[in-house]
Protein backbone atom coordinates (compact mmCIF):
# COMPACT_ATOMS: atom_id res chain seq x y z
CA MET A 1 77.53 84.59 97.69
CA LYS A 2 77.93 85.21 101.52
CA VAL A 3 80.70 87.35 103.01
CA VAL A 4 82.18 86.76 106.62
CA GLY A 5 84.65 89.24 107.78
CA ILE A 6 87.03 87.69 110.66
CA THR A 7 89.37 89.47 112.73
CA GLY A 8 91.15 89.22 116.30
CA GLY A 9 94.04 90.39 118.32
CA ILE A 10 97.71 88.93 118.00
CA ALA A 11 97.86 85.36 119.38
CA SER A 12 94.18 85.25 119.66
CA GLY A 13 94.09 81.90 117.60
CA LYS A 14 92.59 83.46 114.45
CA SER A 15 94.54 81.29 112.20
CA THR A 16 92.95 77.95 113.99
CA VAL A 17 89.49 79.29 113.37
CA LEU A 18 90.44 79.94 109.88
CA ALA A 19 91.53 76.64 109.24
CA MET A 20 88.38 75.15 110.44
CA LEU A 21 86.44 77.15 108.20
CA ARG A 22 88.19 75.99 105.48
CA GLU A 23 87.63 72.42 106.45
CA LEU A 24 84.14 73.41 106.40
CA GLY A 25 84.19 74.85 102.82
CA ALA A 26 84.82 78.43 103.28
CA GLN A 27 87.08 80.23 100.64
CA VAL A 28 89.55 82.19 102.72
CA ILE A 29 91.02 85.56 101.54
CA ASP A 30 94.00 86.28 103.34
CA THR A 31 94.76 90.01 103.02
CA ASP A 32 98.51 89.64 104.23
CA PRO A 33 99.45 88.58 100.75
CA ILE A 34 97.76 91.87 99.47
CA VAL A 35 99.60 94.03 102.03
CA HIS A 36 103.06 92.29 100.90
CA GLN A 37 102.45 93.41 97.32
CA LEU A 38 101.37 97.00 98.15
CA MET A 39 104.87 97.39 100.08
CA LYS A 40 106.99 96.21 97.05
CA SER A 41 109.12 98.99 95.26
CA SER A 42 106.88 98.71 92.30
CA SER A 43 103.86 99.86 94.16
CA PRO A 44 102.70 103.51 94.18
CA LEU A 45 102.48 103.36 97.92
CA PHE A 46 106.17 102.17 98.42
CA LYS A 47 107.42 105.73 98.27
CA PHE A 48 105.06 107.09 100.82
CA ILE A 49 106.19 104.32 103.52
CA VAL A 50 109.66 105.07 102.75
CA ASN A 51 109.39 108.84 102.95
CA ARG A 52 107.81 108.38 106.40
CA PHE A 53 109.86 105.69 107.66
CA GLY A 54 113.30 106.25 106.17
CA LYS A 55 115.56 104.23 103.91
CA GLY A 56 116.76 102.28 107.34
CA ILE A 57 113.65 99.95 106.73
CA LEU A 58 115.06 98.84 103.54
CA ASP A 59 116.71 95.51 102.90
CA GLY A 60 119.87 94.71 100.62
CA ALA A 61 117.69 94.71 97.74
CA GLY A 62 115.96 97.95 98.36
CA GLU A 63 112.52 96.17 99.49
CA ILE A 64 110.75 97.13 102.88
CA ASP A 65 111.79 94.90 105.63
CA ARG A 66 108.54 94.11 107.40
CA GLY A 67 110.60 93.32 110.61
CA ARG A 68 112.31 96.66 110.54
CA LEU A 69 109.23 98.50 109.76
CA GLY A 70 107.35 96.64 112.65
CA GLN A 71 109.71 97.40 115.19
CA ILE A 72 109.16 101.39 114.51
CA ALA A 73 105.32 101.00 113.96
CA PHE A 74 104.59 98.86 117.19
CA THR A 75 106.53 101.30 119.18
CA ASP A 76 104.96 104.55 118.07
CA PRO A 77 101.01 104.86 117.79
CA SER A 78 101.27 107.79 115.14
CA ALA A 79 103.47 105.91 112.86
CA LEU A 80 101.11 102.67 113.10
CA ALA A 81 98.20 105.11 112.24
CA TYR A 82 100.26 106.26 109.35
CA LEU A 83 100.99 102.98 108.13
CA GLU A 84 97.61 101.62 108.38
CA GLY A 85 96.16 104.78 106.90
CA VAL A 86 98.31 104.47 103.57
CA LEU A 87 97.71 100.47 103.38
CA HIS A 88 94.33 99.54 104.64
CA PRO A 89 91.99 101.42 101.98
CA SER A 90 94.02 100.04 99.41
CA VAL A 91 93.86 96.60 100.46
CA TYR A 92 90.02 96.44 101.32
CA GLN A 93 89.75 97.98 97.78
CA GLU A 94 91.35 95.20 96.21
CA VAL A 95 88.96 92.69 98.17
CA LYS A 96 85.97 94.63 97.21
CA GLU A 97 86.74 94.31 93.28
CA TRP A 98 87.80 90.68 93.70
CA LEU A 99 84.64 90.02 95.65
CA ALA A 100 82.70 91.80 92.88
CA ASP A 101 84.35 90.06 90.23
CA THR A 102 83.98 86.72 91.59
CA LYS A 103 80.17 87.23 92.04
CA ALA A 104 79.62 88.27 88.32
CA ARG A 105 81.49 85.59 87.12
CA LEU A 106 79.79 82.94 89.26
CA GLY A 107 76.24 84.40 88.59
CA PRO A 108 73.25 82.89 90.01
CA SER A 109 74.06 79.43 92.07
CA SER A 110 71.86 77.22 93.89
CA ARG A 111 74.38 76.62 96.58
CA PRO A 112 75.73 79.80 98.25
CA ARG A 113 79.60 80.04 98.67
CA VAL A 114 81.04 81.47 101.52
CA TYR A 115 84.07 83.70 101.31
CA VAL A 116 85.92 84.59 104.37
CA VAL A 117 87.88 88.03 104.54
CA ASP A 118 90.77 87.79 106.82
CA GLY A 119 92.41 90.66 108.31
CA ALA A 120 93.61 92.31 111.50
CA LYS A 121 91.46 95.25 111.24
CA VAL A 122 88.64 93.84 109.27
CA HIS A 123 85.41 96.02 109.76
CA ARG A 124 82.05 96.43 107.93
CA ASP A 125 83.28 100.01 106.63
CA LEU A 126 86.02 98.27 104.58
CA LEU A 127 83.94 95.54 102.98
CA PRO A 128 81.26 95.96 100.41
CA ARG A 129 78.76 94.21 102.48
CA CYS A 130 79.26 91.44 105.23
CA ASP A 131 77.01 88.95 106.07
CA SER A 132 78.60 88.27 109.28
CA LEU A 133 81.56 89.76 111.37
CA TRP A 134 83.22 87.24 113.56
CA VAL A 135 85.93 88.16 116.39
CA VAL A 136 88.13 85.47 117.65
CA TYR A 137 88.54 86.22 121.27
CA THR A 138 91.18 85.45 123.71
CA PRO A 139 91.89 87.00 127.05
CA GLU A 140 95.30 89.28 127.20
CA HIS A 141 96.92 86.78 129.79
CA LEU A 142 96.62 83.99 127.10
CA GLN A 143 97.88 86.16 124.12
CA LEU A 144 101.02 87.31 126.43
CA GLU A 145 101.60 83.39 127.07
CA ARG A 146 101.36 82.46 123.47
CA LEU A 147 103.56 85.37 122.43
CA THR A 148 106.43 84.75 124.95
CA LYS A 149 106.32 80.91 124.54
CA ASP A 150 105.62 80.26 121.21
CA ARG A 151 106.88 83.45 119.39
CA GLY A 152 109.77 84.12 121.33
CA LEU A 153 109.01 87.73 122.42
CA THR A 154 109.92 89.13 125.92
CA GLU A 155 106.98 90.24 128.11
CA ASP A 156 107.75 93.92 127.35
CA GLN A 157 107.46 93.48 123.53
CA ALA A 158 104.36 91.07 123.89
CA ARG A 159 102.79 93.78 125.80
CA GLN A 160 103.68 96.73 123.11
CA ARG A 161 102.25 94.36 120.35
CA ILE A 162 99.17 94.05 122.21
CA ALA A 163 98.65 97.52 123.19
CA ALA A 164 99.11 98.84 119.54
CA GLN A 165 96.11 96.82 118.49
CA VAL A 166 92.52 97.62 118.42
CA PRO A 167 91.19 97.30 121.65
CA TRP A 168 88.94 94.32 122.38
CA GLU A 169 86.04 96.51 123.43
CA GLU A 170 85.88 97.92 120.23
CA ARG A 171 86.16 94.76 118.41
CA LEU A 172 83.41 93.11 120.44
CA ARG A 173 81.08 96.02 119.93
CA GLN A 174 81.45 95.48 115.98
CA ALA A 175 80.89 91.67 116.33
CA ASP A 176 78.02 89.43 115.26
CA VAL A 177 79.73 86.39 116.39
CA VAL A 178 82.32 85.92 119.07
CA ILE A 179 84.39 82.93 119.18
CA ASP A 180 86.14 82.35 122.51
CA ASN A 181 89.33 80.55 121.74
CA SER A 182 90.37 80.47 125.61
CA GLY A 183 89.53 76.77 125.86
CA THR A 184 90.13 73.81 124.17
CA ILE A 185 90.42 73.08 120.42
CA GLU A 186 87.37 70.81 120.87
CA GLU A 187 85.33 73.87 122.42
CA THR A 188 86.51 76.36 119.67
CA ARG A 189 85.51 73.81 116.91
CA ASN A 190 82.12 73.43 118.75
CA GLN A 191 81.40 77.25 118.30
CA VAL A 192 82.68 77.49 114.84
CA GLU A 193 80.58 74.60 113.59
CA LYS A 194 77.59 75.85 115.27
CA GLU A 195 78.11 79.54 113.69
CA TRP A 196 78.72 77.83 110.37
CA GLU A 197 75.74 76.00 110.31
CA ARG A 198 73.59 79.18 111.05
CA LEU A 199 75.28 81.13 108.55
CA ARG A 200 74.66 78.35 106.06
CA LEU A 201 70.94 78.26 106.72
CA SER A 202 70.57 82.08 106.71
CA PRO A 203 69.41 83.82 103.54
CA CYS A 204 71.78 85.39 101.16
CA THR A 205 71.96 89.39 101.00
CA ASP A 206 72.09 91.22 97.88
């Protein structure tokens, strides 16, 4: 088993890179559905989130409305830090357990399997081990363009979302591999395929 963590800023093109990795044979572990489950009213974390943000974040069914929650979290750094502090340890604990169970179930294999953990704040401290940490990079002006044109945000809203995320300097400092997604699809694909081949040929770690 080989484990790749992949992260990137909002509108960086991470989904595009993940699609390419799937085509090459990777199994992608998307942490977003885990976050959804952890915010359900049946989750022990539900009450902590509602107590902090208030019942105004709930929809008609009494579940957390992620849009309402996001409007608060992305405009208040302390609120975002609280939310991440509640959710992220549980998210990555589930990922760790899933990877451990999968490795035990598969046993020794002549052909290494590659699992890609996708998350906004994937880093080594949250994974059991990581053979490679990839960062998908796009300059801020392109992030703004994509957020305003493709997602319909105002420029102020887009800047707010970008400012609320991990600074690029920190992401790049942790990275083993940087995929520059500021060019054409072909240029991005060439980078992904090159790094995939390098990963495929590298020895597995325990």
